Amino acid sequence: MTKKEEVFAELGGIAEVLNIKIDYVDDVENKREYLVCNDTKICTNGTSVYGIREEFFGYVFLKEWNRRSLGSFDRQTTNYIKSYWYDNNFKQPYCKH
């Protein structure tokens, strides 16, 4: 079973119920692996399927929470969850190393 098949076996049903279109891209040429949730690309290079599931549920949390306040740590929590999210130029705008 390929990693993409494992990701779909693990998350496909949940994504379908939540109306989230997912894909898993293993771009060997550019040495990138990433999960796509709707239009959001989330870096997963070298990540286990369990780690990919964690990233998926971070996306689900922010989507379902629908920007209600997380209190004093709202911005930090949101940026932490988004720390591996890419923009269209494969930059990580939320990554604060």
C-alpha atoms as a PDB file:
ATOM      1  CA  MET A   1       0.000   0.000   0.000  1.00  0.00           C
ATOM      2  CA  THR A   2       1.387   3.417  -0.938  1.00  0.00           C
ATOM      3  CA  LYS A   3       1.465   6.291   1.515  1.00  0.00           C
ATOM      4  CA  LYS A   4      -1.261   8.033  -0.498  1.00  0.00           C
ATOM      5  CA  GLU A   5      -3.457   4.939  -0.204  1.00  0.00           C
ATOM      6  CA  GLU A   6      -2.773   4.805   3.549  1.00  0.00           C
ATOM      7  CA  VAL A   7      -3.714   8.476   3.935  1.00  0.00           C
ATOM      8  CA  PHE A   8      -6.963   7.947   2.022  1.00  0.00           C
ATOM      9  CA  ALA A   9      -7.751   4.803   4.016  1.00  0.00           C
ATOM     10  CA  GLU A  10      -7.170   6.725   7.256  1.00  0.00           C
ATOM     11  CA  LEU A  11      -8.804  10.064   6.406  1.00  0.00           C
ATOM     12  CA  GLY A  12     -10.955   9.633   3.294  1.00  0.00           C
ATOM     13  CA  GLY A  13     -14.186   8.737   5.057  1.00  0.00           C
ATOM     14  CA  ILE A  14     -13.847  11.471   7.676  1.00  0.00           C
ATOM     15  CA  ALA A  15     -13.009  14.059   5.018  1.00  0.00           C
ATOM     16  CA  GLU A  16     -16.027  13.029   2.969  1.00  0.00           C
ATOM     17  CA  VAL A  17     -18.391  13.371   5.939  1.00  0.00           C
ATOM     18  CA  LEU A  18     -16.953  16.823   6.714  1.00  0.00           C
ATOM     19  CA  ASN A  19     -17.138  17.856   3.043  1.00  0.00           C
ATOM     20  CA  ILE A  20     -13.375  18.365   2.801  1.00  0.00           C
ATOM     21  CA  LYS A  21     -11.716  17.428  -0.472  1.00  0.00           C
ATOM     22  CA  ILE A  22      -8.359  15.805   0.305  1.00  0.00           C
ATOM     23  CA  ASP A  23      -5.405  14.687  -1.766  1.00  0.00           C
ATOM     24  CA  TYR A  24      -1.922  13.498  -0.921  1.00  0.00           C
ATOM     25  CA  VAL A  25       0.889  14.576  -3.222  1.00  0.00           C
ATOM     26  CA  ASP A  26       4.285  12.897  -3.285  1.00  0.00           C
ATOM     27  CA  ASP A  27       6.274  15.151  -5.615  1.00  0.00           C
ATOM     28  CA  VAL A  28       9.497  13.171  -5.938  1.00  0.00           C
ATOM     29  CA  GLU A  29      11.030  15.620  -8.422  1.00  0.00           C
ATOM     30  CA  ASN A  30      10.794  18.566  -5.991  1.00  0.00           C
ATOM     31  CA  LYS A  31      11.258  16.395  -2.877  1.00  0.00           C
ATOM     32  CA  ARG A  32       7.923  17.462  -1.406  1.00  0.00           C
ATOM     33  CA  GLU A  33       5.147  15.518   0.231  1.00  0.00           C
ATOM     34  CA  TYR A  34       2.029  17.360   1.236  1.00  0.00           C
ATOM     35  CA  LEU A  35      -1.577  16.909   2.189  1.00  0.00           C
ATOM     36  CA  VAL A  36      -4.141  19.039   0.382  1.00  0.00           C
ATOM     37  CA  CYS A  37      -7.318  19.900   2.289  1.00  0.00           C
ATOM     38  CA  ASN A  38      -9.614  21.778  -0.085  1.00  0.00           C
ATOM     39  CA  ASP A  39      -7.087  24.336  -1.398  1.00  0.00           C
ATOM     40  CA  THR A  40      -4.743  24.290   1.609  1.00  0.00           C
ATOM     41  CA  LYS A  41      -1.366  22.573   1.179  1.00  0.00           C
ATOM     42  CA  ILE A  42       0.152  21.155   4.379  1.00  0.00           C
ATOM     43  CA  CYS A  43       3.771  19.963   4.380  1.00  0.00           C
ATOM     44  CA  THR A  44       4.236  16.359   5.465  1.00  0.00           C
ATOM     45  CA  ASN A  45       7.795  15.510   4.299  1.00  0.00           C
ATOM     46  CA  GLY A  46       8.897  12.414   6.188  1.00  0.00           C
ATOM     47  CA  THR A  47       5.772  12.420   8.327  1.00  0.00           C
ATOM     48  CA  SER A  48       4.038   9.227   9.383  1.00  0.00           C
ATOM     49  CA  VAL A  49       0.385   8.654   8.584  1.00  0.00           C
ATOM     50  CA  TYR A  50      -0.326   9.422  12.252  1.00  0.00           C
ATOM     51  CA  GLY A  51       1.443  12.790  11.876  1.00  0.00           C
ATOM     52  CA  ILE A  52      -0.510  13.495   8.697  1.00  0.00           C
ATOM     53  CA  ARG A  53      -3.699  12.733  10.602  1.00  0.00           C
ATOM     54  CA  GLU A  54      -2.685  15.290  13.246  1.00  0.00           C
ATOM     55  CA  GLU A  55      -2.196  17.933  10.537  1.00  0.00           C
ATOM     56  CA  PHE A  56      -5.575  17.022   9.038  1.00  0.00           C
ATOM     57  CA  PHE A  57      -7.329  17.439  12.372  1.00  0.00           C
ATOM     58  CA  GLY A  58      -5.605  20.795  12.901  1.00  0.00           C
ATOM     59  CA  TYR A  59      -7.154  21.888   9.611  1.00  0.00           C
ATOM     60  CA  VAL A  60     -10.538  20.480  10.645  1.00  0.00           C
ATOM     61  CA  PHE A  61     -10.345  22.240  14.009  1.00  0.00           C
ATOM     62  CA  LEU A  62      -9.722  25.659  12.452  1.00  0.00           C
ATOM     63  CA  LYS A  63     -12.360  25.092   9.750  1.00  0.00           C
ATOM     64  CA  GLU A  64     -15.027  23.931  12.202  1.00  0.00           C
ATOM     65  CA  TRP A  65     -14.151  26.407  14.959  1.00  0.00           C
ATOM     66  CA  ASN A  66     -14.891  29.086  12.359  1.00  0.00           C
ATOM     67  CA  ARG A  67     -12.673  31.739  13.889  1.00  0.00           C
ATOM     68  CA  ARG A  68     -14.264  31.908  17.300  1.00  0.00           C
ATOM     69  CA  SER A  69     -11.754  33.281  19.733  1.00  0.00           C
ATOM     70  CA  LEU A  70      -9.342  30.941  21.465  1.00  0.00           C
ATOM     71  CA  GLY A  71      -8.764  33.587  24.114  1.00  0.00           C
ATOM     72  CA  SER A  72      -5.408  35.158  24.892  1.00  0.00           C
ATOM     73  CA  PHE A  73      -3.511  32.651  22.762  1.00  0.00           C
ATOM     74  CA  ASP A  74      -5.735  32.780  19.682  1.00  0.00           C
ATOM     75  CA  ARG A  75      -3.068  34.035  17.282  1.00  0.00           C
ATOM     76  CA  GLN A  76      -0.314  31.792  18.661  1.00  0.00           C
ATOM     77  CA  THR A  77      -2.524  28.696  18.552  1.00  0.00           C
ATOM     78  CA  THR A  78      -3.729  29.410  15.022  1.00  0.00           C
ATOM     79  CA  ASN A  79      -0.191  30.074  13.778  1.00  0.00           C
ATOM     80  CA  TYR A  80       1.078  26.905  15.480  1.00  0.00           C
ATOM     81  CA  ILE A  81      -1.573  24.783  13.772  1.00  0.00           C
ATOM     82  CA  LYS A  82      -0.783  26.488  10.452  1.00  0.00           C
ATOM     83  CA  SER A  83       3.004  26.287  10.848  1.00  0.00           C
ATOM     84  CA  TYR A  84       3.372  23.747   8.019  1.00  0.00           C
ATOM     85  CA  TRP A  85       0.774  25.245   5.693  1.00  0.00           C
ATOM     86  CA  TYR A  86       2.095  26.435   2.340  1.00  0.00           C
ATOM     87  CA  ASP A  87       0.925  29.281   0.163  1.00  0.00           C
ATOM     88  CA  ASN A  88       0.760  28.962  -3.635  1.00  0.00           C
ATOM     89  CA  ASN A  89       4.500  29.717  -3.920  1.00  0.00           C
ATOM     90  CA  PHE A  90       5.363  26.967  -1.413  1.00  0.00           C
ATOM     91  CA  LYS A  91       6.343  29.485   1.245  1.00  0.00           C
ATOM     92  CA  GLN A  92       5.307  28.897   4.856  1.00  0.00           C
ATOM     93  CA  PRO A  93       3.820  32.253   5.898  1.00  0.00           C
ATOM     94  CA  TYR A  94       2.760  31.037   9.362  1.00  0.00           C
ATOM     95  CA  CYS A  95       6.071  29.360  10.250  1.00  0.00           C
ATOM     96  CA  LYS A  96       7.832  31.286  13.034  1.00  0.00           C
ATOM     97  CA  HIS A  97      11.128  29.457  13.710  1.00  0.00           C
END
